[in-house]
Amino acid sequence: MKPTKLEIKNLKVKAKNLQGLQILHLSDLHINKKTKIEDIKKLVSFCNDIEYDFLALTGDIIDCKADKIIPQLEALNLLKKVFYISGNHDIFYGLKRLKTLLTNFTFLDNKTIFIKYQNKEIALAGISDRFSKFFKIQREEKKVFEFLKNNEDSILLAHQPKDYSLAVNSNTKLFLCGHTHGGQVFPFHYFVRLFQPFLAGIFYKKNTCVYVNKGLGTWGIDFRYKADSEITLLKLC
């Protein structure tokens, strides 16, 4: 992750009963040993100056063992009002250790909570990444589904777009994810679309708004082409 130029992407999305809510959405930071602490601090300062109700961080925070980037993660930990879920890279490099370092964040893998907004309670849930099964980590889909289905005003966080069906079938109003990097380097976009139902952007399925964030970091090669990184402020209407 090297946010040399930080810009906010303002998007208005339709989400019934959630009008006015503002969510800052980050994804796929891919912090590694080459990530400068100054860049993390710059990102944190930029985000904390934005007016939002909560920050959704949809996985792939790290791209190496957490113990190798403790200063970077300590700097990231200063972000405000963060709810996050795991990505496949987080699980591979050590989710348990990552959680012990992000003490200021709320971990939502297979968890369900309520957040208050304008005298109403909004149901917020997260699901662990599909990669979990390879590390014998349980994905509690039934628990998350029943919670969302039984609460009219609901939001689901997941890492991969593939989990959109969990949101749609439970009548969830908003589904946030990342993972794709928007293809990262064209024409790799076409390859990603073979494995994921959506590449990037806003999609509406039944009563659910799906948003796929292109993320901030890179994977494999430290380069993007026709898939710019993004920090998105979602304004629900």
C-alpha atoms as a PDB file:
ATOM      1  CA  MET A   1       0.000   0.000   0.000  1.00  0.00           C
ATOM      2  CA  LYS A   2       1.430   3.366  -0.985  1.00  0.00           C
ATOM      3  CA  PRO A   3      -1.227   6.088  -1.055  1.00  0.00           C
ATOM      4  CA  THR A   4       0.844   8.787  -2.746  1.00  0.00           C
ATOM      5  CA  LYS A   5      -2.297  10.712  -3.652  1.00  0.00           C
ATOM      6  CA  LEU A   6      -5.293  10.307  -1.388  1.00  0.00           C
ATOM      7  CA  GLU A   7      -8.714  11.200  -2.743  1.00  0.00           C
ATOM      8  CA  ILE A   8     -12.206  10.536  -1.484  1.00  0.00           C
ATOM      9  CA  LYS A   9     -14.726   8.918  -3.796  1.00  0.00           C
ATOM     10  CA  ASN A  10     -18.203  10.142  -2.872  1.00  0.00           C
ATOM     11  CA  LEU A  11     -21.026   7.809  -3.852  1.00  0.00           C
ATOM     12  CA  LYS A  12     -24.750   8.009  -3.247  1.00  0.00           C
ATOM     13  CA  VAL A  13     -26.347   4.597  -2.896  1.00  0.00           C
ATOM     14  CA  LYS A  14     -29.959   3.602  -2.450  1.00  0.00           C
ATOM     15  CA  ALA A  15     -30.611   1.654   0.739  1.00  0.00           C
ATOM     16  CA  LYS A  16     -34.168   1.667   2.034  1.00  0.00           C
ATOM     17  CA  ASN A  17     -34.579   2.803   5.667  1.00  0.00           C
ATOM     18  CA  LEU A  18     -30.877   3.691   5.975  1.00  0.00           C
ATOM     19  CA  GLN A  19     -31.089   7.175   4.493  1.00  0.00           C
ATOM     20  CA  GLY A  20     -28.495   9.640   5.717  1.00  0.00           C
ATOM     21  CA  LEU A  21     -26.034   7.054   7.022  1.00  0.00           C
ATOM     22  CA  GLN A  22     -22.457   7.723   5.899  1.00  0.00           C
ATOM     23  CA  ILE A  23     -19.996   4.820   5.717  1.00  0.00           C
ATOM     24  CA  LEU A  24     -16.315   5.166   4.908  1.00  0.00           C
ATOM     25  CA  HIS A  25     -15.270   2.008   3.078  1.00  0.00           C
ATOM     26  CA  LEU A  26     -11.670   0.756   2.857  1.00  0.00           C
ATOM     27  CA  SER A  27     -10.482  -2.593   1.598  1.00  0.00           C
ATOM     28  CA  ASP A  28      -7.385  -4.573   0.599  1.00  0.00           C
ATOM     29  CA  LEU A  29      -4.646  -2.464   2.157  1.00  0.00           C
ATOM     30  CA  HIS A  30      -2.083  -5.278   1.762  1.00  0.00           C
ATOM     31  CA  ILE A  31       0.335  -3.769   4.255  1.00  0.00           C
ATOM     32  CA  ASN A  32       3.780  -5.389   4.075  1.00  0.00           C
ATOM     33  CA  LYS A  33       7.389  -4.740   5.141  1.00  0.00           C
ATOM     34  CA  LYS A  34       7.842  -2.220   2.316  1.00  0.00           C
ATOM     35  CA  THR A  35       4.863  -0.133   3.451  1.00  0.00           C
ATOM     36  CA  LYS A  36       6.113   3.135   4.953  1.00  0.00           C
ATOM     37  CA  ILE A  37       4.801   4.134   8.366  1.00  0.00           C
ATOM     38  CA  GLU A  38       4.476   7.669   7.010  1.00  0.00           C
ATOM     39  CA  ASP A  39       2.030   6.425   4.370  1.00  0.00           C
ATOM     40  CA  ILE A  40      -0.104   4.733   7.022  1.00  0.00           C
ATOM     41  CA  LYS A  41      -0.119   7.876   9.142  1.00  0.00           C
ATOM     42  CA  LYS A  42      -1.073   9.917   6.087  1.00  0.00           C
ATOM     43  CA  LEU A  43      -3.985   7.567   5.382  1.00  0.00           C
ATOM     44  CA  VAL A  44      -5.172   7.633   8.991  1.00  0.00           C
ATOM     45  CA  SER A  45      -5.053  11.431   9.173  1.00  0.00           C
ATOM     46  CA  PHE A  46      -6.909  11.708   5.870  1.00  0.00           C
ATOM     47  CA  CYS A  47      -9.669   9.305   6.943  1.00  0.00           C
ATOM     48  CA  ASN A  48     -10.083  10.714  10.437  1.00  0.00           C
ATOM     49  CA  ASP A  49     -10.735  14.163   8.961  1.00  0.00           C
ATOM     50  CA  ILE A  50     -13.751  12.816   7.036  1.00  0.00           C
ATOM     51  CA  GLU A  51     -17.202  12.944   8.593  1.00  0.00           C
ATOM     52  CA  TYR A  52     -18.660   9.428   8.695  1.00  0.00           C
ATOM     53  CA  ASP A  53     -20.795   7.266  10.980  1.00  0.00           C
ATOM     54  CA  PHE A  54     -18.504   4.247  10.856  1.00  0.00           C
ATOM     55  CA  LEU A  55     -15.655   2.816   8.816  1.00  0.00           C
ATOM     56  CA  ALA A  56     -16.008  -0.585   7.133  1.00  0.00           C
ATOM     57  CA  LEU A  57     -12.725  -2.366   6.401  1.00  0.00           C
ATOM     58  CA  THR A  58     -13.416  -5.427   4.274  1.00  0.00           C
ATOM     59  CA  GLY A  59     -10.321  -7.577   4.615  1.00  0.00           C
ATOM     60  CA  ASP A  60      -6.794  -8.178   3.331  1.00  0.00           C
ATOM     61  CA  ILE A  61      -5.265  -5.714   5.756  1.00  0.00           C
ATOM     62  CA  ILE A  62      -1.879  -7.452   5.788  1.00  0.00           C
ATOM     63  CA  ASP A  63       0.365  -9.093   3.224  1.00  0.00           C
ATOM     64  CA  CYS A  64       2.995 -10.552   5.561  1.00  0.00           C
ATOM     65  CA  LYS A  65       3.255 -11.750   9.163  1.00  0.00           C
ATOM     66  CA  ALA A  66       1.791  -9.120  11.492  1.00  0.00           C
ATOM     67  CA  ASP A  67       4.862  -9.214  13.753  1.00  0.00           C
ATOM     68  CA  LYS A  68       6.970  -7.886  10.882  1.00  0.00           C
ATOM     69  CA  ILE A  69       4.838  -4.724  10.547  1.00  0.00           C
ATOM     70  CA  ILE A  70       3.917  -3.857  14.135  1.00  0.00           C
ATOM     71  CA  PRO A  71       4.730  -0.112  13.774  1.00  0.00           C
ATOM     72  CA  GLN A  72       2.558   0.115  10.654  1.00  0.00           C
ATOM     73  CA  LEU A  73      -0.350  -1.644  12.357  1.00  0.00           C
ATOM     74  CA  GLU A  74      -0.013   0.496  15.469  1.00  0.00           C
ATOM     75  CA  ALA A  75      -0.328   3.559  13.240  1.00  0.00           C
ATOM     76  CA  LEU A  76      -3.343   2.051  11.446  1.00  0.00           C
ATOM     77  CA  ASN A  77      -4.952   1.319  14.807  1.00  0.00           C
ATOM     78  CA  LEU A  78      -5.589   5.054  15.233  1.00  0.00           C
ATOM     79  CA  LEU A  79      -8.396   4.981  12.653  1.00  0.00           C
ATOM     80  CA  LYS A  80     -11.746   5.828  14.245  1.00  0.00           C
ATOM     81  CA  LYS A  81     -14.970   3.797  14.489  1.00  0.00           C
ATOM     82  CA  VAL A  82     -13.719   0.790  12.510  1.00  0.00           C
ATOM     83  CA  PHE A  83     -15.550  -2.501  11.938  1.00  0.00           C
ATOM     84  CA  TYR A  84     -13.531  -5.106  10.019  1.00  0.00           C
ATOM     85  CA  ILE A  85     -13.616  -8.653   8.726  1.00  0.00           C
ATOM     86  CA  SER A  86     -10.932 -11.046   7.517  1.00  0.00           C
ATOM     87  CA  GLY A  87      -9.604 -11.423   4.018  1.00  0.00           C
ATOM     88  CA  ASN A  88      -7.815 -14.453   2.620  1.00  0.00           C
ATOM     89  CA  HIS A  89      -4.398 -12.829   3.133  1.00  0.00           C
ATOM     90  CA  ASP A  90      -5.182 -12.003   6.773  1.00  0.00           C
ATOM     91  CA  ILE A  91      -6.040 -15.637   7.451  1.00  0.00           C
ATOM     92  CA  PHE A  92      -2.970 -16.934   5.617  1.00  0.00           C
ATOM     93  CA  TYR A  93      -0.505 -14.651   7.430  1.00  0.00           C
ATOM     94  CA  GLY A  94      -2.088 -14.940  10.883  1.00  0.00           C
ATOM     95  CA  LEU A  95      -5.452 -13.517  11.827  1.00  0.00           C
ATOM     96  CA  LYS A  96      -5.058 -14.228  15.543  1.00  0.00           C
ATOM     97  CA  ARG A  97      -1.979 -12.025  15.860  1.00  0.00           C
ATOM     98  CA  LEU A  98      -3.525  -9.309  13.699  1.00  0.00           C
ATOM     99  CA  LYS A  99      -6.508  -9.098  16.041  1.00  0.00           C
ATOM    100  CA  THR A 100      -4.275  -8.602  19.085  1.00  0.00           C
ATOM    101  CA  LEU A 101      -2.658  -5.572  17.419  1.00  0.00           C
ATOM    102  CA  LEU A 102      -5.840  -3.878  16.161  1.00  0.00           C
ATOM    103  CA  THR A 103      -7.263  -3.211  19.620  1.00  0.00           C
ATOM    104  CA  ASN A 104      -9.112  -0.067  18.540  1.00  0.00           C
ATOM    105  CA  PHE A 105     -11.089  -1.905  15.847  1.00  0.00           C
ATOM    106  CA  THR A 106     -14.201  -4.088  16.183  1.00  0.00           C
ATOM    107  CA  PHE A 107     -13.730  -7.542  14.652  1.00  0.00           C
ATOM    108  CA  LEU A 108     -16.878  -8.843  12.940  1.00  0.00           C
ATOM    109  CA  ASP A 109     -16.063 -12.287  11.522  1.00  0.00           C
ATOM    110  CA  ASN A 110     -19.200 -14.372  12.191  1.00  0.00           C
ATOM    111  CA  LYS A 111     -20.447 -11.696  14.568  1.00  0.00           C
ATOM    112  CA  THR A 112     -23.669  -9.709  14.748  1.00  0.00           C
ATOM    113  CA  ILE A 113     -24.238  -6.390  16.482  1.00  0.00           C
ATOM    114  CA  PHE A 114     -26.540  -3.373  16.470  1.00  0.00           C
ATOM    115  CA  ILE A 115     -25.380   0.191  15.933  1.00  0.00           C
ATOM    116  CA  LYS A 116     -27.528   3.192  16.761  1.00  0.00           C
ATOM    117  CA  TYR A 117     -28.324   5.772  14.102  1.00  0.00           C
ATOM    118  CA  GLN A 118     -30.967   8.506  14.360  1.00  0.00           C
ATOM    119  CA  ASN A 119     -32.972   6.760  17.083  1.00  0.00           C
ATOM    120  CA  LYS A 120     -33.000   3.444  15.239  1.00  0.00           C
ATOM    121  CA  GLU A 121     -30.937   0.291  15.521  1.00  0.00           C
ATOM    122  CA  ILE A 122     -29.139  -0.949  12.436  1.00  0.00           C
ATOM    123  CA  ALA A 123     -28.158  -4.602  12.257  1.00  0.00           C
ATOM    124  CA  LEU A 124     -24.510  -5.046  11.255  1.00  0.00           C
ATOM    125  CA  ALA A 125     -22.914  -8.424  10.590  1.00  0.00           C
ATOM    126  CA  GLY A 126     -19.718  -9.837   9.175  1.00  0.00           C
ATOM    127  CA  ILE A 127     -18.748 -13.186   7.718  1.00  0.00           C
ATOM    128  CA  SER A 128     -15.284 -14.748   7.703  1.00  0.00           C
ATOM    129  CA  ASP A 129     -13.595 -15.158   4.332  1.00  0.00           C
ATOM    130  CA  ARG A 130     -14.223 -18.242   2.228  1.00  0.00           C
ATOM    131  CA  PHE A 131     -10.538 -19.114   2.659  1.00  0.00           C
ATOM    132  CA  SER A 132     -11.357 -19.945   6.304  1.00  0.00           C
ATOM    133  CA  LYS A 133     -12.175 -23.578   5.585  1.00  0.00           C
ATOM    134  CA  PHE A 134      -8.563 -24.309   4.558  1.00  0.00           C
ATOM    135  CA  PHE A 135      -7.471 -23.264   8.072  1.00  0.00           C
ATOM    136  CA  LYS A 136     -10.353 -25.056   9.816  1.00  0.00           C
ATOM    137  CA  ILE A 137     -11.986 -21.763  10.757  1.00  0.00           C
ATOM    138  CA  GLN A 138     -15.770 -22.048  10.864  1.00  0.00           C
ATOM    139  CA  ARG A 139     -17.930 -19.776   8.733  1.00  0.00           C
ATOM    140  CA  GLU A 140     -21.205 -19.316  10.589  1.00  0.00           C
ATOM    141  CA  GLU A 141     -23.373 -18.557   7.580  1.00  0.00           C
ATOM    142  CA  LYS A 142     -26.610 -19.802   9.153  1.00  0.00           C
ATOM    143  CA  LYS A 143     -26.166 -17.609  12.230  1.00  0.00           C
ATOM    144  CA  VAL A 144     -25.422 -14.516  10.133  1.00  0.00           C
ATOM    145  CA  PHE A 145     -28.254 -15.254   7.695  1.00  0.00           C
ATOM    146  CA  GLU A 146     -30.882 -15.614  10.432  1.00  0.00           C
ATOM    147  CA  PHE A 147     -29.736 -12.409  12.127  1.00  0.00           C
ATOM    148  CA  LEU A 148     -29.940 -10.397   8.905  1.00  0.00           C
ATOM    149  CA  LYS A 149     -33.233 -11.941   7.842  1.00  0.00           C
ATOM    150  CA  ASN A 150     -34.860 -11.089  11.174  1.00  0.00           C
ATOM    151  CA  ASN A 151     -33.776  -7.441  11.121  1.00  0.00           C
ATOM    152  CA  GLU A 152     -35.173  -5.158   8.463  1.00  0.00           C
ATOM    153  CA  ASP A 153     -32.433  -2.504   8.563  1.00  0.00           C
ATOM    154  CA  SER A 154     -29.267  -4.500   7.962  1.00  0.00           C
ATOM    155  CA  ILE A 155     -25.733  -4.345   6.534  1.00  0.00           C
ATOM    156  CA  LEU A 156     -23.336  -7.209   5.780  1.00  0.00           C
ATOM    157  CA  LEU A 157     -19.544  -7.032   5.471  1.00  0.00           C
ATOM    158  CA  ALA A 158     -17.622  -9.745   3.613  1.00  0.00           C
ATOM    159  CA  HIS A 159     -14.335  -9.934   1.766  1.00  0.00           C
ATOM    160  CA  GLN A 160     -15.376 -11.558  -1.500  1.00  0.00           C
ATOM    161  CA  PRO A 161     -18.207 -10.514  -3.839  1.00  0.00           C
ATOM    162  CA  LYS A 162     -19.230 -14.186  -3.995  1.00  0.00           C
ATOM    163  CA  ASP A 163     -20.959 -13.783  -0.638  1.00  0.00           C
ATOM    164  CA  TYR A 164     -23.499 -11.339  -2.084  1.00  0.00           C
ATOM    165  CA  SER A 165     -26.095 -14.125  -2.241  1.00  0.00           C
ATOM    166  CA  LEU A 166     -26.067 -14.311   1.569  1.00  0.00           C
ATOM    167  CA  ALA A 167     -27.080 -10.655   1.638  1.00  0.00           C
ATOM    168  CA  VAL A 168     -29.652 -10.863  -1.148  1.00  0.00           C
ATOM    169  CA  ASN A 169     -31.377 -13.964   0.214  1.00  0.00           C
ATOM    170  CA  SER A 170     -31.623 -12.474   3.708  1.00  0.00           C
ATOM    171  CA  ASN A 171     -33.050  -9.206   2.342  1.00  0.00           C
ATOM    172  CA  THR A 172     -30.032  -7.239   3.597  1.00  0.00           C
ATOM    173  CA  LYS A 173     -30.092  -3.611   2.501  1.00  0.00           C
ATOM    174  CA  LEU A 174     -26.359  -3.102   1.923  1.00  0.00           C
ATOM    175  CA  PHE A 175     -23.513  -5.516   1.166  1.00  0.00           C
ATOM    176  CA  LEU A 176     -19.910  -4.268   1.239  1.00  0.00           C
ATOM    177  CA  CYS A 177     -16.904  -6.231  -0.011  1.00  0.00           C
ATOM    178  CA  GLY A 178     -13.563  -5.972  -1.821  1.00  0.00           C
ATOM    179  CA  HIS A 179     -11.028  -8.634  -2.868  1.00  0.00           C
ATOM    180  CA  THR A 180     -11.026  -8.034  -6.649  1.00  0.00           C
ATOM    181  CA  HIS A 181      -8.818  -4.902  -6.741  1.00  0.00           C
ATOM    182  CA  GLY A 182     -11.023  -3.989  -9.680  1.00  0.00           C
ATOM    183  CA  GLY A 183      -8.823  -6.318 -11.719  1.00  0.00           C
ATOM    184  CA  GLN A 184      -5.705  -4.324 -10.649  1.00  0.00           C
ATOM    185  CA  VAL A 185      -4.046  -4.530 -14.075  1.00  0.00           C
ATOM    186  CA  PHE A 186      -6.029  -4.542 -17.311  1.00  0.00           C
ATOM    187  CA  PRO A 187      -6.795  -6.962 -19.001  1.00  0.00           C
ATOM    188  CA  PHE A 188      -6.632  -9.115 -15.826  1.00  0.00           C
ATOM    189  CA  HIS A 189     -10.169  -7.782 -15.238  1.00  0.00           C
ATOM    190  CA  TYR A 190     -11.520 -10.501 -17.520  1.00  0.00           C
ATOM    191  CA  PHE A 191      -9.777 -13.249 -15.538  1.00  0.00           C
ATOM    192  CA  VAL A 192     -11.213 -11.969 -12.236  1.00  0.00           C
ATOM    193  CA  ARG A 193     -14.718 -12.015 -13.706  1.00  0.00           C
ATOM    194  CA  LEU A 194     -14.380 -15.756 -14.283  1.00  0.00           C
ATOM    195  CA  PHE A 195     -14.313 -16.258 -10.510  1.00  0.00           C
ATOM    196  CA  GLN A 196     -16.311 -13.354  -9.077  1.00  0.00           C
ATOM    197  CA  PRO A 197     -19.866 -12.182  -9.886  1.00  0.00           C
ATOM    198  CA  PHE A 198     -18.843  -8.500  -9.769  1.00  0.00           C
ATOM    199  CA  LEU A 199     -15.606  -6.670 -10.522  1.00  0.00           C
ATOM    200  CA  ALA A 200     -16.071  -3.227  -8.949  1.00  0.00           C
ATOM    201  CA  GLY A 201     -18.700  -0.579  -8.250  1.00  0.00           C
ATOM    202  CA  ILE A 202     -22.397  -0.509  -7.335  1.00  0.00           C
ATOM    203  CA  PHE A 203     -24.929  -3.183  -8.231  1.00  0.00           C
ATOM    204  CA  TYR A 204     -28.550  -3.654  -7.174  1.00  0.00           C
ATOM    205  CA  LYS A 205     -29.958  -7.135  -6.672  1.00  0.00           C
ATOM    206  CA  LYS A 206     -33.571  -7.323  -5.475  1.00  0.00           C
ATOM    207  CA  ASN A 207     -33.640  -5.195  -2.307  1.00  0.00           C
ATOM    208  CA  THR A 208     -29.871  -5.257  -1.792  1.00  0.00           C
ATOM    209  CA  CYS A 209     -27.279  -2.696  -2.801  1.00  0.00           C
ATOM    210  CA  VAL A 210     -23.918  -4.370  -3.494  1.00  0.00           C
ATOM    211  CA  TYR A 211     -20.733  -2.326  -3.442  1.00  0.00           C
ATOM    212  CA  VAL A 212     -17.362  -3.809  -4.473  1.00  0.00           C
ATOM    213  CA  ASN A 213     -14.429  -1.632  -3.409  1.00  0.00           C
ATOM    214  CA  LYS A 214     -11.285  -1.730  -5.601  1.00  0.00           C
ATOM    215  CA  GLY A 215      -9.106  -1.384  -2.504  1.00  0.00           C
ATOM    216  CA  LEU A 216      -5.984   0.616  -1.736  1.00  0.00           C
ATOM    217  CA  GLY A 217      -3.137  -1.841  -2.033  1.00  0.00           C
ATOM    218  CA  THR A 218      -1.740  -4.196  -4.633  1.00  0.00           C
ATOM    219  CA  TRP A 219      -0.884  -7.874  -4.789  1.00  0.00           C
ATOM    220  CA  GLY A 220       1.758  -9.678  -6.838  1.00  0.00           C
ATOM    221  CA  ILE A 221       3.088  -6.584  -8.578  1.00  0.00           C
ATOM    222  CA  ASP A 222       3.035  -3.111  -7.050  1.00  0.00           C
ATOM    223  CA  PHE A 223       1.174  -1.610  -9.971  1.00  0.00           C
ATOM    224  CA  ARG A 224      -2.344  -0.750 -11.119  1.00  0.00           C
ATOM    225  CA  TYR A 225      -3.650  -0.057 -14.592  1.00  0.00           C
ATOM    226  CA  LYS A 226      -7.253   0.933 -15.362  1.00  0.00           C
ATOM    227  CA  ALA A 227      -8.172  -0.020 -11.787  1.00  0.00           C
ATOM    228  CA  ASP A 228      -7.355   2.955  -9.575  1.00  0.00           C
ATOM    229  CA  SER A 229      -7.207   2.476  -5.814  1.00  0.00           C
ATOM    230  CA  GLU A 230     -10.044   4.046  -3.848  1.00  0.00           C
ATOM    231  CA  ILE A 231     -11.284   5.330  -0.527  1.00  0.00           C
ATOM    232  CA  THR A 232     -15.051   5.490  -0.729  1.00  0.00           C
ATOM    233  CA  LEU A 233     -17.560   7.483   1.284  1.00  0.00           C
ATOM    234  CA  LEU A 234     -20.962   5.892   0.816  1.00  0.00           C
ATOM    235  CA  LYS A 235     -23.856   8.231   1.436  1.00  0.00           C
ATOM    236  CA  LEU A 236     -27.062   6.245   1.796  1.00  0.00           C
ATOM    237  CA  CYS A 237     -30.222   7.720   0.345  1.00  0.00           C
END
